[in-house]
PDB file of all heavy atoms in Angstrom:
ATOM      1  N   ILE A   1    -166.352 -75.019-112.763  1.00  0.00           N
ATOM      2  CA  ILE A   1    -165.937 -73.668-112.368  1.00  0.00           C
ATOM      3  C   ILE A   1    -164.516 -73.612-111.811  1.00  0.00           C
ATOM      4  O   ILE A   1    -163.724 -72.770-112.245  1.00  0.00           O
ATOM      5  CB  ILE A   1    -166.951 -73.040-111.394  1.00  0.00           C
ATOM      6  CG1 ILE A   1    -168.241 -72.700-112.139  1.00  0.00           C
ATOM      7  CG2 ILE A   1    -166.380 -71.805-110.712  1.00  0.00           C
ATOM      8  CD1 ILE A   1    -169.393 -72.286-111.226  1.00  0.00           C
ATOM      9  N   PRO A   2    -164.131 -74.478-110.872  1.00  0.00           N
ATOM     10  CA  PRO A   2    -162.774 -74.379-110.327  1.00  0.00           C
ATOM     11  C   PRO A   2    -161.674 -74.633-111.358  1.00  0.00           C
ATOM     12  O   PRO A   2    -160.559 -74.125-111.220  1.00  0.00           O
ATOM     13  CB  PRO A   2    -162.726 -75.453-109.239  1.00  0.00           C
ATOM     14  CG  PRO A   2    -164.136 -75.799-108.954  1.00  0.00           C
ATOM     15  CD  PRO A   2    -164.913 -75.509-110.198  1.00  0.00           C
ATOM     16  N   TYR A   3    -161.976 -75.395-112.392  1.00  0.00           N
ATOM     17  CA  TYR A   3    -160.978 -75.707-113.416  1.00  0.00           C
ATOM     18  C   TYR A   3    -160.875 -74.613-114.481  1.00  0.00           C
ATOM     19  O   TYR A   3    -159.829 -74.455-115.102  1.00  0.00           O
ATOM     20  CB  TYR A   3    -161.318 -77.040-114.092  1.00  0.00           C
ATOM     21  CG  TYR A   3    -161.333 -78.184-113.130  1.00  0.00           C
ATOM     22  CD1 TYR A   3    -162.526 -78.701-112.647  1.00  0.00           C
ATOM     23  CD2 TYR A   3    -160.141 -78.745-112.671  1.00  0.00           C
ATOM     24  CE1 TYR A   3    -162.551 -79.752-111.742  1.00  0.00           C
ATOM     25  CE2 TYR A   3    -160.159 -79.798-111.762  1.00  0.00           C
ATOM     26  CZ  TYR A   3    -161.360 -80.286-111.303  1.00  0.00           C
ATOM     27  OH  TYR A   3    -161.370 -81.318-110.408  1.00  0.00           O
ATOM     28  N   ILE A   4    -161.964 -73.894-114.690  1.00  0.00           N
ATOM     29  CA  ILE A   4    -161.979 -72.860-115.724  1.00  0.00           C
ATOM     30  C   ILE A   4    -161.499 -71.527-115.167  1.00  0.00           C
ATOM     31  O   ILE A   4    -160.651 -70.871-115.744  1.00  0.00           O
ATOM     32  CB  ILE A   4    -163.395 -72.700-116.329  1.00  0.00           C
ATOM     33  CG1 ILE A   4    -163.865 -74.011-116.949  1.00  0.00           C
ATOM     34  CG2 ILE A   4    -163.405 -71.576-117.360  1.00  0.00           C
ATOM     35  CD1 ILE A   4    -165.331 -74.020-117.325  1.00  0.00           C
ATOM     36  N   GLY A   5    -162.040 -71.118-114.038  1.00  0.00           N
ATOM     37  CA  GLY A   5    -161.696 -69.822-113.471  1.00  0.00           C
ATOM     38  C   GLY A   5    -162.319 -68.688-114.271  1.00  0.00           C
ATOM     39  O   GLY A   5    -163.154 -68.911-115.146  1.00  0.00           O
ATOM     40  N   GLU A   6    -161.913 -67.465-113.971  1.00  0.00           N
ATOM     41  CA  GLU A   6    -162.449 -66.309-114.689  1.00  0.00           C
ATOM     42  C   GLU A   6    -161.892 -66.258-116.102  1.00  0.00           C
ATOM     43  O   GLU A   6    -160.744 -66.633-116.337  1.00  0.00           O
ATOM     44  CB  GLU A   6    -162.138 -65.022-113.939  1.00  0.00           C
ATOM     45  CG  GLU A   6    -162.917 -64.907-112.647  1.00  0.00           C
ATOM     46  CD  GLU A   6    -162.838 -63.515-112.040  1.00  0.00           C
ATOM     47  OE1 GLU A   6    -162.196 -62.621-112.609  1.00  0.00           O
ATOM     48  OE2 GLU A   6    -163.444 -63.337-110.972  1.00  0.00           O
ATOM     49  N   VAL A   7    -162.721 -65.800-117.021  1.00  0.00           N
ATOM     50  CA  VAL A   7    -162.337 -65.718-118.435  1.00  0.00           C
ATOM     51  C   VAL A   7    -162.708 -64.349-118.996  1.00  0.00           C
ATOM     52  O   VAL A   7    -163.571 -63.659-118.461  1.00  0.00           O
ATOM     53  CB  VAL A   7    -163.001 -66.827-119.274  1.00  0.00           C
ATOM     54  CG1 VAL A   7    -162.559 -68.203-118.811  1.00  0.00           C
ATOM     55  CG2 VAL A   7    -164.513 -66.720-119.250  1.00  0.00           C
ATOM     56  N   ASP A   8    -162.056 -63.987-120.080  1.00  0.00           N
ATOM     57  CA  ASP A   8    -162.398 -62.746-120.778  1.00  0.00           C
ATOM     58  C   ASP A   8    -163.545 -62.974-121.764  1.00  0.00           C
ATOM     59  O   ASP A   8    -164.406 -62.117-121.929  1.00  0.00           O
ATOM     60  CB  ASP A   8    -161.179 -62.206-121.540  1.00  0.00           C
ATOM     61  CG  ASP A   8    -160.043 -61.873-120.603  1.00  0.00           C
ATOM     62  OD1 ASP A   8    -160.247 -61.044-119.699  1.00  0.00           O
ATOM     63  OD2 ASP A   8    -158.949 -62.449-120.771  1.00  0.00           O
ATOM     64  N   ILE A   9    -163.527 -64.134-122.418  1.00  0.00           N
ATOM     65  CA  ILE A   9    -164.537 -64.464-123.428  1.00  0.00           C
ATOM     66  C   ILE A   9    -165.123 -65.834-123.105  1.00  0.00           C
ATOM     67  O   ILE A   9    -164.388 -66.787-122.846  1.00  0.00           O
ATOM     68  CB  ILE A   9    -163.926 -64.495-124.845  1.00  0.00           C
ATOM     69  CG1 ILE A   9    -163.311 -63.133-125.188  1.00  0.00           C
ATOM     70  CG2 ILE A   9    -164.970 -64.902-125.885  1.00  0.00           C
ATOM     71  CD1 ILE A   9    -162.500 -63.140-126.463  1.00  0.00           C
ATOM     72  N   LEU A  10    -166.433 -65.924-123.164  1.00  0.00           N
ATOM     73  CA  LEU A  10    -167.113 -67.199-122.936  1.00  0.00           C
ATOM     74  C   LEU A  10    -168.050 -67.477-124.099  1.00  0.00           C
ATOM     75  O   LEU A  10    -168.932 -66.673-124.417  1.00  0.00           O
ATOM     76  CB  LEU A  10    -167.929 -67.160-121.642  1.00  0.00           C
ATOM     77  CG  LEU A  10    -168.774 -68.399-121.353  1.00  0.00           C
ATOM     78  CD1 LEU A  10    -167.902 -69.633-121.141  1.00  0.00           C
ATOM     79  CD2 LEU A  10    -169.670 -68.155-120.146  1.00  0.00           C
ATOM     80  N   LYS A  11    -167.825 -68.610-124.767  1.00  0.00           N
ATOM     81  CA  LYS A  11    -168.789 -69.084-125.761  1.00  0.00           C
ATOM     82  C   LYS A  11    -169.861 -69.806-124.970  1.00  0.00           C
ATOM     83  O   LYS A  11    -169.584 -70.770-124.262  1.00  0.00           O
ATOM     84  CB  LYS A  11    -168.149 -70.035-126.768  1.00  0.00           C
ATOM     85  CG  LYS A  11    -169.112 -70.490-127.850  1.00  0.00           C
ATOM     86  CD  LYS A  11    -168.729 -71.892-128.272  1.00  0.00           C
ATOM     87  CE  LYS A  11    -169.853 -72.727-128.739  1.00  0.00           C
ATOM     88  NZ  LYS A  11    -170.817 -73.206-127.782  1.00  0.00           N
ATOM     89  N   LEU A  12    -171.072 -69.310-125.028  1.00  0.00           N
ATOM     90  CA  LEU A  12    -172.159 -69.895-124.255  1.00  0.00           C
ATOM     91  C   LEU A  12    -172.349 -71.365-124.596  1.00  0.00           C
ATOM     92  O   LEU A  12    -172.285 -71.757-125.760  1.00  0.00           O
ATOM     93  CB  LEU A  12    -173.457 -69.135-124.512  1.00  0.00           C
ATOM     94  CG  LEU A  12    -173.481 -67.704-123.982  1.00  0.00           C
ATOM     95  CD1 LEU A  12    -174.738 -66.996-124.481  1.00  0.00           C
ATOM     96  CD2 LEU A  12    -173.411 -67.681-122.474  1.00  0.00           C
ATOM     97  N   GLY A  13    -172.581 -72.158-123.574  1.00  0.00           N
ATOM     98  CA  GLY A  13    -172.773 -73.581-123.762  1.00  0.00           C
ATOM     99  C   GLY A  13    -174.078 -73.881-124.474  1.00  0.00           C
ATOM    100  O   GLY A  13    -175.093 -73.202-124.268  1.00  0.00           O
ATOM    101  N   HIS A  14    -174.042 -74.888-125.306  1.00  0.00           N
ATOM    102  CA  HIS A  14    -175.230 -75.438-125.983  1.00  0.00           C
ATOM    103  C   HIS A  14    -176.063 -74.348-126.663  1.00  0.00           C
ATOM    104  O   HIS A  14    -177.286 -74.296-126.502  1.00  0.00           O
ATOM    105  CB  HIS A  14    -176.073 -76.242-125.009  1.00  0.00           C
ATOM    106  CG  HIS A  14    -176.831 -77.333-125.692  1.00  0.00           C
ATOM    107  ND1 HIS A  14    -177.537 -78.265-124.992  1.00  0.00           N
ATOM    108  CD2 HIS A  14    -177.003 -77.645-126.992  1.00  0.00           C
ATOM    109  CE1 HIS A  14    -178.121 -79.098-125.817  1.00  0.00           C
ATOM    110  NE2 HIS A  14    -177.800 -78.740-127.048  1.00  0.00           N
ATOM    111  N   HIS A  15    -175.404 -73.483-127.413  1.00  0.00           N
ATOM    112  CA  HIS A  15    -176.061 -72.443-128.223  1.00  0.00           C
ATOM    113  C   HIS A  15    -176.896 -71.474-127.384  1.00  0.00           C
ATOM    114  O   HIS A  15    -177.837 -70.867-127.890  1.00  0.00           O
ATOM    115  CB  HIS A  15    -176.935 -73.061-129.314  1.00  0.00           C
ATOM    116  CG  HIS A  15    -176.251 -74.121-130.105  1.00  0.00           C
ATOM    117  ND1 HIS A  15    -175.299 -73.826-131.063  1.00  0.00           N
ATOM    118  CD2 HIS A  15    -176.346 -75.467-130.068  1.00  0.00           C
ATOM    119  CE1 HIS A  15    -174.855 -74.959-131.581  1.00  0.00           C
ATOM    120  NE2 HIS A  15    -175.464 -75.969-131.004  1.00  0.00           N
ATOM    121  N   GLY A  16    -176.580 -71.374-126.098  1.00  0.00           N
ATOM    122  CA  GLY A  16    -177.319 -70.454-125.236  1.00  0.00           C
ATOM    123  C   GLY A  16    -178.615 -71.006-124.688  1.00  0.00           C
ATOM    124  O   GLY A  16    -179.406 -70.276-124.100  1.00  0.00           O
ATOM    125  N   TYR A  17    -178.872 -72.315-124.848  1.00  0.00           N
ATOM    126  CA  TYR A  17    -180.117 -72.922-124.360  1.00  0.00           C
ATOM    127  C   TYR A  17    -180.267 -72.719-122.853  1.00  0.00           C
ATOM    128  O   TYR A  17    -179.289 -72.585-122.119  1.00  0.00           O
ATOM    129  CB  TYR A  17    -180.140 -74.424-124.644  1.00  0.00           C
ATOM    130  CG  TYR A  17    -180.413 -74.804-126.077  1.00  0.00           C
ATOM    131  CD1 TYR A  17    -180.638 -73.856-127.064  1.00  0.00           C
ATOM    132  CD2 TYR A  17    -180.449 -76.135-126.449  1.00  0.00           C
ATOM    133  CE1 TYR A  17    -180.892 -74.224-128.372  1.00  0.00           C
ATOM    134  CE2 TYR A  17    -180.695 -76.510-127.762  1.00  0.00           C
ATOM    135  CZ  TYR A  17    -180.914 -75.545-128.712  1.00  0.00           C
ATOM    136  OH  TYR A  17    -181.165 -75.917-130.009  1.00  0.00           O
ATOM    137  N   SER A  18    -181.494 -72.773-122.389  1.00  0.00           N
ATOM    138  CA  SER A  18    -181.774 -72.551-120.968  1.00  0.00           C
ATOM    139  C   SER A  18    -181.237 -73.663-120.070  1.00  0.00           C
ATOM    140  O   SER A  18    -181.123 -73.474-118.868  1.00  0.00           O
ATOM    141  CB  SER A  18    -183.285 -72.414-120.755  1.00  0.00           C
ATOM    142  OG  SER A  18    -183.945 -73.597-121.161  1.00  0.00           O
ATOM    143  N   SER A  19    -180.900 -74.816-120.634  1.00  0.00           N
ATOM    144  CA  SER A  19    -180.331 -75.914-119.831  1.00  0.00           C
ATOM    145  C   SER A  19    -178.845 -75.693-119.543  1.00  0.00           C
ATOM    146  O   SER A  19    -178.222 -76.491-118.863  1.00  0.00           O
ATOM    147  CB  SER A  19    -180.522 -77.244-120.557  1.00  0.00           C
ATOM    148  OG  SER A  19    -179.876 -77.198-121.827  1.00  0.00           O
ATOM    149  N   SER A  20    -178.306 -74.619-120.067  1.00  0.00           N
ATOM    150  CA  SER A  20    -176.897 -74.273-119.886  1.00  0.00           C
ATOM    151  C   SER A  20    -176.796 -72.836-119.404  1.00  0.00           C
ATOM    152  O   SER A  20    -177.773 -72.107-119.377  1.00  0.00           O
ATOM    153  CB  SER A  20    -176.141 -74.404-121.207  1.00  0.00           C
ATOM    154  OG  SER A  20    -176.246 -75.707-121.721  1.00  0.00           O
ATOM    155  N   ASN A  21    -175.571 -72.444-119.026  1.00  0.00           N
ATOM    156  CA  ASN A  21    -175.288 -71.046-118.703  1.00  0.00           C
ATOM    157  C   ASN A  21    -176.085 -70.533-117.502  1.00  0.00           C
ATOM    158  O   ASN A  21    -176.744 -69.499-117.568  1.00  0.00           O
ATOM    159  CB  ASN A  21    -175.541 -70.162-119.927  1.00  0.00           C
ATOM    160  CG  ASN A  21    -174.941 -70.760-121.175  1.00  0.00           C
ATOM    161  OD1 ASN A  21    -173.739 -70.920-121.261  1.00  0.00           O
ATOM    162  ND2 ASN A  21    -175.783 -71.151-122.114  1.00  0.00           N
ATOM    163  N   THR A  22    -176.022 -71.276-116.409  1.00  0.00           N
ATOM    164  CA  THR A  22    -176.736 -70.873-115.202  1.00  0.00           C
ATOM    165  C   THR A  22    -176.158 -69.563-114.668  1.00  0.00           C
ATOM    166  O   THR A  22    -174.990 -69.236-114.925  1.00  0.00           O
ATOM    167  CB  THR A  22    -176.622 -71.951-114.111  1.00  0.00           C
ATOM    168  OG1 THR A  22    -175.240 -72.138-113.780  1.00  0.00           O
ATOM    169  CG2 THR A  22    -177.247 -73.269-114.554  1.00  0.00           C
ATOM    170  N   PRO A  23    -176.953 -68.811-113.922  1.00  0.00           N
ATOM    171  CA  PRO A  23    -176.440 -67.571-113.342  1.00  0.00           C
ATOM    172  C   PRO A  23    -175.186 -67.784-112.490  1.00  0.00           C
ATOM    173  O   PRO A  23    -174.261 -66.971-112.527  1.00  0.00           O
ATOM    174  CB  PRO A  23    -177.609 -67.064-112.498  1.00  0.00           C
ATOM    175  CG  PRO A  23    -178.821 -67.630-113.161  1.00  0.00           C
ATOM    176  CD  PRO A  23    -178.380 -68.988-113.669  1.00  0.00           C
ATOM    177  N   GLU A  24    -175.137 -68.881-111.752  1.00  0.00           N
ATOM    178  CA  GLU A  24    -173.967 -69.169-110.908  1.00  0.00           C
ATOM    179  C   GLU A  24    -172.710 -69.367-111.756  1.00  0.00           C
ATOM    180  O   GLU A  24    -171.626 -68.902-111.401  1.00  0.00           O
ATOM    181  CB  GLU A  24    -174.209 -70.427-110.052  1.00  0.00           C
ATOM    182  CG  GLU A  24    -175.338 -70.298-109.063  1.00  0.00           C
ATOM    183  CD  GLU A  24    -176.713 -70.599-109.653  1.00  0.00           C
ATOM    184  OE1 GLU A  24    -176.831 -70.972-110.828  1.00  0.00           O
ATOM    185  OE2 GLU A  24    -177.695 -70.438-108.910  1.00  0.00           O
ATOM    186  N   TYR A  25    -172.857 -70.052-112.858  1.00  0.00           N
ATOM    187  CA  TYR A  25    -171.759 -70.320-113.786  1.00  0.00           C
ATOM    188  C   TYR A  25    -171.265 -69.020-114.407  1.00  0.00           C
ATOM    189  O   TYR A  25    -170.071 -68.730-114.416  1.00  0.00           O
ATOM    190  CB  TYR A  25    -172.279 -71.284-114.848  1.00  0.00           C
ATOM    191  CG  TYR A  25    -171.343 -71.676-115.958  1.00  0.00           C
ATOM    192  CD1 TYR A  25    -170.273 -72.534-115.732  1.00  0.00           C
ATOM    193  CD2 TYR A  25    -171.576 -71.244-117.262  1.00  0.00           C
ATOM    194  CE1 TYR A  25    -169.451 -72.933-116.778  1.00  0.00           C
ATOM    195  CE2 TYR A  25    -170.761 -71.645-118.304  1.00  0.00           C
ATOM    196  CZ  TYR A  25    -169.698 -72.485-118.057  1.00  0.00           C
ATOM    197  OH  TYR A  25    -168.888 -72.885-119.089  1.00  0.00           O
ATOM    198  N   LEU A  26    -172.183 -68.209-114.903  1.00  0.00           N
ATOM    199  CA  LEU A  26    -171.805 -66.944-115.530  1.00  0.00           C
ATOM    200  C   LEU A  26    -171.162 -65.998-114.519  1.00  0.00           C
ATOM    201  O   LEU A  26    -170.175 -65.327-114.826  1.00  0.00           O
ATOM    202  CB  LEU A  26    -173.026 -66.285-116.170  1.00  0.00           C
ATOM    203  CG  LEU A  26    -173.663 -67.055-117.327  1.00  0.00           C
ATOM    204  CD1 LEU A  26    -174.930 -66.343-117.788  1.00  0.00           C
ATOM    205  CD2 LEU A  26    -172.682 -67.231-118.469  1.00  0.00           C
ATOM    206  N   TYR A  27    -171.697 -65.950-113.318  1.00  0.00           N
ATOM    207  CA  TYR A  27    -171.143 -65.078-112.280  1.00  0.00           C
ATOM    208  C   TYR A  27    -169.726 -65.505-111.913  1.00  0.00           C
ATOM    209  O   TYR A  27    -168.823 -64.677-111.783  1.00  0.00           O
ATOM    210  CB  TYR A  27    -172.046 -65.092-111.040  1.00  0.00           C
ATOM    211  CG  TYR A  27    -171.557 -64.190-109.948  1.00  0.00           C
ATOM    212  CD1 TYR A  27    -171.789 -62.814-109.997  1.00  0.00           C
ATOM    213  CD2 TYR A  27    -170.852 -64.705-108.864  1.00  0.00           C
ATOM    214  CE1 TYR A  27    -171.325 -61.984-108.992  1.00  0.00           C
ATOM    215  CE2 TYR A  27    -170.386 -63.874-107.859  1.00  0.00           C
ATOM    216  CZ  TYR A  27    -170.627 -62.510-107.926  1.00  0.00           C
ATOM    217  OH  TYR A  27    -170.154 -61.691-106.922  1.00  0.00           O
ATOM    218  N   ALA A  28    -169.507 -66.805-111.765  1.00  0.00           N
ATOM    219  CA  ALA A  28    -168.192 -67.312-111.364  1.00  0.00           C
ATOM    220  C   ALA A  28    -167.135 -67.106-112.457  1.00  0.00           C
ATOM    221  O   ALA A  28    -165.994 -66.770-112.158  1.00  0.00           O
ATOM    222  CB  ALA A  28    -168.281 -68.793-110.998  1.00  0.00           C
ATOM    223  N   LEU A  29    -167.514 -67.312-113.708  1.00  0.00           N
ATOM    224  CA  LEU A  29    -166.556 -67.143-114.804  1.00  0.00           C
ATOM    225  C   LEU A  29    -166.336 -65.668-115.134  1.00  0.00           C
ATOM    226  O   LEU A  29    -165.292 -65.305-115.672  1.00  0.00           O
ATOM    227  CB  LEU A  29    -167.007 -67.914-116.044  1.00  0.00           C
ATOM    228  CG  LEU A  29    -166.521 -69.358-116.125  1.00  0.00           C
ATOM    229  CD1 LEU A  29    -166.834 -70.186-114.919  1.00  0.00           C
ATOM    230  CD2 LEU A  29    -167.001 -70.005-117.393  1.00  0.00           C
ATOM    231  N   ASN A  30    -167.311 -64.828-114.837  1.00  0.00           N
ATOM    232  CA  ASN A  30    -167.187 -63.377-114.946  1.00  0.00           C
ATOM    233  C   ASN A  30    -166.631 -62.910-116.296  1.00  0.00           C
ATOM    234  O   ASN A  30    -165.686 -62.116-116.343  1.00  0.00           O
ATOM    235  CB  ASN A  30    -166.328 -62.857-113.792  1.00  0.00           C
ATOM    236  CG  ASN A  30    -166.415 -61.364-113.642  1.00  0.00           C
ATOM    237  OD1 ASN A  30    -167.430 -60.751-113.966  1.00  0.00           O
ATOM    238  ND2 ASN A  30    -165.347 -60.765-113.151  1.00  0.00           N
ATOM    239  N   PRO A  31    -167.195 -63.380-117.414  1.00  0.00           N
ATOM    240  CA  PRO A  31    -166.655 -62.990-118.720  1.00  0.00           C
ATOM    241  C   PRO A  31    -166.941 -61.530-119.064  1.00  0.00           C
ATOM    242  O   PRO A  31    -167.959 -60.971-118.660  1.00  0.00           O
ATOM    243  CB  PRO A  31    -167.384 -63.915-119.693  1.00  0.00           C
ATOM    244  CG  PRO A  31    -168.677 -64.203-119.008  1.00  0.00           C
ATOM    245  CD  PRO A  31    -168.363 -64.246-117.537  1.00  0.00           C
ATOM    246  N   ASP A  32    -166.023 -60.934-119.819  1.00  0.00           N
ATOM    247  CA  ASP A  32    -166.241 -59.589-120.348  1.00  0.00           C
ATOM    248  C   ASP A  32    -167.143 -59.646-121.583  1.00  0.00           C
ATOM    249  O   ASP A  32    -167.886 -58.708-121.865  1.00  0.00           O
ATOM    250  CB  ASP A  32    -164.921 -58.928-120.726  1.00  0.00           C
ATOM    251  CG  ASP A  32    -164.034 -58.674-119.510  1.00  0.00           C
ATOM    252  OD1 ASP A  32    -164.566 -58.308-118.456  1.00  0.00           O
ATOM    253  OD2 ASP A  32    -162.803 -58.837-119.637  1.00  0.00           O
ATOM    254  N   TYR A  33    -167.012 -60.736-122.336  1.00  0.00           N
ATOM    255  CA  TYR A  33    -167.772 -60.907-123.571  1.00  0.00           C
ATOM    256  C   TYR A  33    -168.395 -62.302-123.611  1.00  0.00           C
ATOM    257  O   TYR A  33    -167.767 -63.271-123.202  1.00  0.00           O
ATOM    258  CB  TYR A  33    -166.882 -60.743-124.812  1.00  0.00           C
ATOM    259  CG  TYR A  33    -166.248 -59.385-124.901  1.00  0.00           C
ATOM    260  CD1 TYR A  33    -164.950 -59.186-124.450  1.00  0.00           C
ATOM    261  CD2 TYR A  33    -166.950 -58.313-125.434  1.00  0.00           C
ATOM    262  CE1 TYR A  33    -164.360 -57.931-124.510  1.00  0.00           C
ATOM    263  CE2 TYR A  33    -166.354 -57.055-125.510  1.00  0.00           C
ATOM    264  CZ  TYR A  33    -165.068 -56.880-125.043  1.00  0.00           C
ATOM    265  OH  TYR A  33    -164.494 -55.641-125.100  1.00  0.00           O
ATOM    266  N   LEU A  34    -169.613 -62.372-124.132  1.00  0.00           N
ATOM    267  CA  LEU A  34    -170.304 -63.645-124.356  1.00  0.00           C
ATOM    268  C   LEU A  34    -170.515 -63.815-125.850  1.00  0.00           C
ATOM    269  O   LEU A  34    -170.825 -62.849-126.548  1.00  0.00           O
ATOM    270  CB  LEU A  34    -171.675 -63.657-123.664  1.00  0.00           C
ATOM    271  CG  LEU A  34    -171.671 -63.510-122.154  1.00  0.00           C
ATOM    272  CD1 LEU A  34    -173.094 -63.309-121.648  1.00  0.00           C
ATOM    273  CD2 LEU A  34    -171.042 -64.727-121.509  1.00  0.00           C
TER     274      LEU A  34
END
């Protein structure tokens, strides 16, 4: 998170699997589009 910062577009990690894309991660990156 500290290295990425906020983004406009986020390609979900690992095809959107539940082992990726935690709520904390999504909230911190704050993407406009997934």
